[in-house]
Amino acid sequence: MIPPFRFAMVEENLYRGGYPKPRNYRFLKRLRLKTILSLIPEQAAHDLQQFCKEEAIHMLRLKVDRMKEDNITLTYNKTLMAIHIIIDPTNHPIYVHCLDGADVTGLIMACLRRLQRWEQKYAMLEFTR
């Protein structure tokens, strides 16, 4: 079983990483996910949609454009929407991913940690993870 690129457990029932590929599906299946939150510019690939359908995983997507010259194109409203989805226990266990599992996902996790009252320097470690 192969985890997605940059896969990590953030806390119980919350996982993060890169865009899942077919070779990662067996690994993800073992997590018994209820939700996958995709922070990506385009619709998810058909194989990922099919995997979610077969496993009864609720698939959510927030359209986030690709980075432009080291600028993450994540709006305030989309950040709030993502955080609301993540903190809602009815969505757990949840896997959150962007294209590479670093920039957009990292920023969302850093915001989550600040919401949890982590010191900024420690919250930023989630961004660089």
C-alpha atoms as a PDB file:
ATOM      1  CA  MET A   1       0.000   0.000   0.000  1.00  0.00           C
ATOM      2  CA  ILE A   2       1.314   3.391  -1.010  1.00  0.00           C
ATOM      3  CA  PRO A   3       0.201   6.605   0.720  1.00  0.00           C
ATOM      4  CA  PRO A   4      -0.338   9.757  -1.343  1.00  0.00           C
ATOM      5  CA  PHE A   5       2.649  12.073  -1.803  1.00  0.00           C
ATOM      6  CA  ARG A   6       3.298  14.103   1.366  1.00  0.00           C
ATOM      7  CA  PHE A   7       0.667  12.147   3.291  1.00  0.00           C
ATOM      8  CA  ALA A   8       0.444  12.975   6.999  1.00  0.00           C
ATOM      9  CA  MET A   9      -1.973  12.588   9.846  1.00  0.00           C
ATOM     10  CA  VAL A  10      -2.736  16.068  11.190  1.00  0.00           C
ATOM     11  CA  GLU A  11      -4.780  14.747  14.101  1.00  0.00           C
ATOM     12  CA  GLU A  12      -7.238  11.947  14.694  1.00  0.00           C
ATOM     13  CA  ASN A  13      -9.593  11.645  11.693  1.00  0.00           C
ATOM     14  CA  LEU A  14      -7.854  14.447   9.764  1.00  0.00           C
ATOM     15  CA  TYR A  15      -5.304  13.626   7.079  1.00  0.00           C
ATOM     16  CA  ARG A  16      -3.514  15.711   4.480  1.00  0.00           C
ATOM     17  CA  GLY A  17      -1.378  15.165   1.418  1.00  0.00           C
ATOM     18  CA  GLY A  18      -1.070  15.402  -2.322  1.00  0.00           C
ATOM     19  CA  TYR A  19      -3.518  14.537  -5.071  1.00  0.00           C
ATOM     20  CA  PRO A  20      -4.435  10.844  -4.717  1.00  0.00           C
ATOM     21  CA  LYS A  21      -3.472   8.592  -7.593  1.00  0.00           C
ATOM     22  CA  PRO A  22      -4.861   5.107  -8.303  1.00  0.00           C
ATOM     23  CA  ARG A  23      -1.850   3.483  -6.607  1.00  0.00           C
ATOM     24  CA  ASN A  24      -2.916   5.272  -3.363  1.00  0.00           C
ATOM     25  CA  TYR A  25      -6.513   4.069  -3.278  1.00  0.00           C
ATOM     26  CA  ARG A  26      -5.863   0.879  -1.292  1.00  0.00           C
ATOM     27  CA  PHE A  27      -4.099   2.949   1.355  1.00  0.00           C
ATOM     28  CA  LEU A  28      -6.906   5.516   1.504  1.00  0.00           C
ATOM     29  CA  LYS A  29      -9.512   2.767   1.664  1.00  0.00           C
ATOM     30  CA  ARG A  30      -7.981   1.560   4.936  1.00  0.00           C
ATOM     31  CA  LEU A  31      -8.568   5.000   6.495  1.00  0.00           C
ATOM     32  CA  ARG A  32     -12.339   4.502   6.101  1.00  0.00           C
ATOM     33  CA  LEU A  33     -12.717   8.068   4.892  1.00  0.00           C
ATOM     34  CA  LYS A  34     -16.064   9.779   4.972  1.00  0.00           C
ATOM     35  CA  THR A  35     -14.932  12.867   3.023  1.00  0.00           C
ATOM     36  CA  ILE A  36     -12.225  13.948   0.605  1.00  0.00           C
ATOM     37  CA  LEU A  37     -11.763  17.710   0.282  1.00  0.00           C
ATOM     38  CA  SER A  38      -9.994  18.632  -2.959  1.00  0.00           C
ATOM     39  CA  LEU A  39      -8.435  22.097  -3.199  1.00  0.00           C
ATOM     40  CA  ILE A  40      -7.698  21.962  -6.918  1.00  0.00           C
ATOM     41  CA  PRO A  41      -8.237  24.051 -10.077  1.00  0.00           C
ATOM     42  CA  GLU A  42     -10.115  21.434 -12.147  1.00  0.00           C
ATOM     43  CA  GLN A  43     -12.619  18.685 -11.449  1.00  0.00           C
ATOM     44  CA  ALA A  44     -11.073  15.551  -9.993  1.00  0.00           C
ATOM     45  CA  ALA A  45     -10.037  12.835 -12.422  1.00  0.00           C
ATOM     46  CA  HIS A  46     -12.671  10.270 -13.308  1.00  0.00           C
ATOM     47  CA  ASP A  47     -10.804   7.469 -11.508  1.00  0.00           C
ATOM     48  CA  LEU A  48     -10.793   9.441  -8.227  1.00  0.00           C
ATOM     49  CA  GLN A  49     -14.489  10.242  -8.611  1.00  0.00           C
ATOM     50  CA  GLN A  50     -15.182   6.563  -9.273  1.00  0.00           C
ATOM     51  CA  PHE A  51     -13.130   5.487  -6.238  1.00  0.00           C
ATOM     52  CA  CYS A  52     -15.119   7.864  -4.023  1.00  0.00           C
ATOM     53  CA  LYS A  53     -18.393   6.593  -5.442  1.00  0.00           C
ATOM     54  CA  GLU A  54     -17.429   2.937  -4.899  1.00  0.00           C
ATOM     55  CA  GLU A  55     -16.282   3.614  -1.324  1.00  0.00           C
ATOM     56  CA  ALA A  56     -19.210   5.934  -0.466  1.00  0.00           C
ATOM     57  CA  ILE A  57     -16.801   8.805   0.208  1.00  0.00           C
ATOM     58  CA  HIS A  58     -18.323  12.280   0.003  1.00  0.00           C
ATOM     59  CA  MET A  59     -16.166  14.232  -2.432  1.00  0.00           C
ATOM     60  CA  LEU A  60     -15.999  18.010  -2.050  1.00  0.00           C
ATOM     61  CA  ARG A  61     -14.028  20.418  -4.205  1.00  0.00           C
ATOM     62  CA  LEU A  62     -13.127  24.034  -3.677  1.00  0.00           C
ATOM     63  CA  LYS A  63     -11.738  25.522  -6.869  1.00  0.00           C
ATOM     64  CA  VAL A  64      -8.285  26.867  -6.096  1.00  0.00           C
ATOM     65  CA  ASP A  65      -6.200  28.053  -9.025  1.00  0.00           C
ATOM     66  CA  ARG A  66      -2.599  27.018  -9.477  1.00  0.00           C
ATOM     67  CA  MET A  67       0.055  29.095  -7.742  1.00  0.00           C
ATOM     68  CA  LYS A  68       1.276  32.142  -9.623  1.00  0.00           C
ATOM     69  CA  GLU A  69       4.875  33.193  -9.015  1.00  0.00           C
ATOM     70  CA  ASP A  70       5.010  32.011  -5.403  1.00  0.00           C
ATOM     71  CA  ASN A  71       1.543  33.437  -4.637  1.00  0.00           C
ATOM     72  CA  ILE A  72      -1.068  31.031  -3.336  1.00  0.00           C
ATOM     73  CA  THR A  73      -4.368  31.842  -5.019  1.00  0.00           C
ATOM     74  CA  LEU A  74      -6.552  30.996  -2.048  1.00  0.00           C
ATOM     75  CA  THR A  75      -9.209  33.546  -1.166  1.00  0.00           C
ATOM     76  CA  TYR A  76     -10.366  34.397   2.335  1.00  0.00           C
ATOM     77  CA  ASN A  77     -13.834  32.968   1.622  1.00  0.00           C
ATOM     78  CA  LYS A  78     -12.478  29.685   0.306  1.00  0.00           C
ATOM     79  CA  THR A  79     -10.198  29.423   3.321  1.00  0.00           C
ATOM     80  CA  LEU A  80     -13.225  29.851   5.601  1.00  0.00           C
ATOM     81  CA  MET A  81     -15.205  27.294   3.621  1.00  0.00           C
ATOM     82  CA  ALA A  82     -12.374  24.773   3.855  1.00  0.00           C
ATOM     83  CA  ILE A  83     -11.974  25.309   7.605  1.00  0.00           C
ATOM     84  CA  HIS A  84     -15.737  24.889   8.139  1.00  0.00           C
ATOM     85  CA  ILE A  85     -15.669  21.597   6.229  1.00  0.00           C
ATOM     86  CA  ILE A  86     -12.622  20.367   8.164  1.00  0.00           C
ATOM     87  CA  ILE A  87     -13.935  21.191  11.635  1.00  0.00           C
ATOM     88  CA  ASP A  88     -17.367  19.669  11.000  1.00  0.00           C
ATOM     89  CA  PRO A  89     -17.217  16.241  12.686  1.00  0.00           C
ATOM     90  CA  THR A  90     -19.883  14.880  10.326  1.00  0.00           C
ATOM     91  CA  ASN A  91     -17.190  14.988   7.604  1.00  0.00           C
ATOM     92  CA  HIS A  92     -14.706  12.870   9.582  1.00  0.00           C
ATOM     93  CA  PRO A  93     -12.549  11.024   8.833  1.00  0.00           C
ATOM     94  CA  ILE A  94     -11.461  13.485   6.154  1.00  0.00           C
ATOM     95  CA  TYR A  95      -8.549  13.665   3.713  1.00  0.00           C
ATOM     96  CA  VAL A  96      -7.600  17.174   2.514  1.00  0.00           C
ATOM     97  CA  HIS A  97      -5.408  17.599  -0.529  1.00  0.00           C
ATOM     98  CA  CYS A  98      -4.256  20.043  -3.167  1.00  0.00           C
ATOM     99  CA  LEU A  99      -2.172  19.222  -6.228  1.00  0.00           C
ATOM    100  CA  ASP A 100       1.157  18.760  -4.447  1.00  0.00           C
ATOM    101  CA  GLY A 101       0.082  18.421  -0.816  1.00  0.00           C
ATOM    102  CA  ALA A 102       2.157  21.396   0.254  1.00  0.00           C
ATOM    103  CA  ASP A 103       1.210  24.961  -0.569  1.00  0.00           C
ATOM    104  CA  VAL A 104      -2.586  25.203  -0.470  1.00  0.00           C
ATOM    105  CA  THR A 105      -3.088  22.306   1.933  1.00  0.00           C
ATOM    106  CA  GLY A 106      -0.285  23.621   4.130  1.00  0.00           C
ATOM    107  CA  LEU A 107      -1.838  27.075   4.317  1.00  0.00           C
ATOM    108  CA  ILE A 108      -5.241  25.639   5.266  1.00  0.00           C
ATOM    109  CA  MET A 109      -3.657  23.518   8.001  1.00  0.00           C
ATOM    110  CA  ALA A 110      -1.706  26.516   9.327  1.00  0.00           C
ATOM    111  CA  CYS A 111      -4.989  28.469   9.523  1.00  0.00           C
ATOM    112  CA  LEU A 112      -6.613  25.550  11.332  1.00  0.00           C
ATOM    113  CA  ARG A 113      -3.789  25.510  13.873  1.00  0.00           C
ATOM    114  CA  ARG A 114      -4.150  29.253  14.487  1.00  0.00           C
ATOM    115  CA  LEU A 115      -7.875  28.705  15.034  1.00  0.00           C
ATOM    116  CA  GLN A 116      -6.863  26.085  17.597  1.00  0.00           C
ATOM    117  CA  ARG A 117      -4.783  28.829  19.257  1.00  0.00           C
ATOM    118  CA  TRP A 118      -1.399  27.427  18.324  1.00  0.00           C
ATOM    119  CA  GLU A 119       1.431  29.950  18.406  1.00  0.00           C
ATOM    120  CA  GLN A 120       2.158  31.341  14.962  1.00  0.00           C
ATOM    121  CA  LYS A 121       5.623  29.791  14.705  1.00  0.00           C
ATOM    122  CA  TYR A 122       4.181  26.326  15.411  1.00  0.00           C
ATOM    123  CA  ALA A 123       1.199  26.826  13.124  1.00  0.00           C
ATOM    124  CA  MET A 124       3.602  27.753  10.331  1.00  0.00           C
ATOM    125  CA  LEU A 125       5.300  24.387  10.761  1.00  0.00           C
ATOM    126  CA  GLU A 126       2.092  22.876   9.365  1.00  0.00           C
ATOM    127  CA  PHE A 127       2.566  25.036   6.286  1.00  0.00           C
ATOM    128  CA  THR A 128       6.116  23.830   5.707  1.00  0.00           C
ATOM    129  CA  ARG A 129       5.375  20.185   6.499  1.00  0.00           C
END
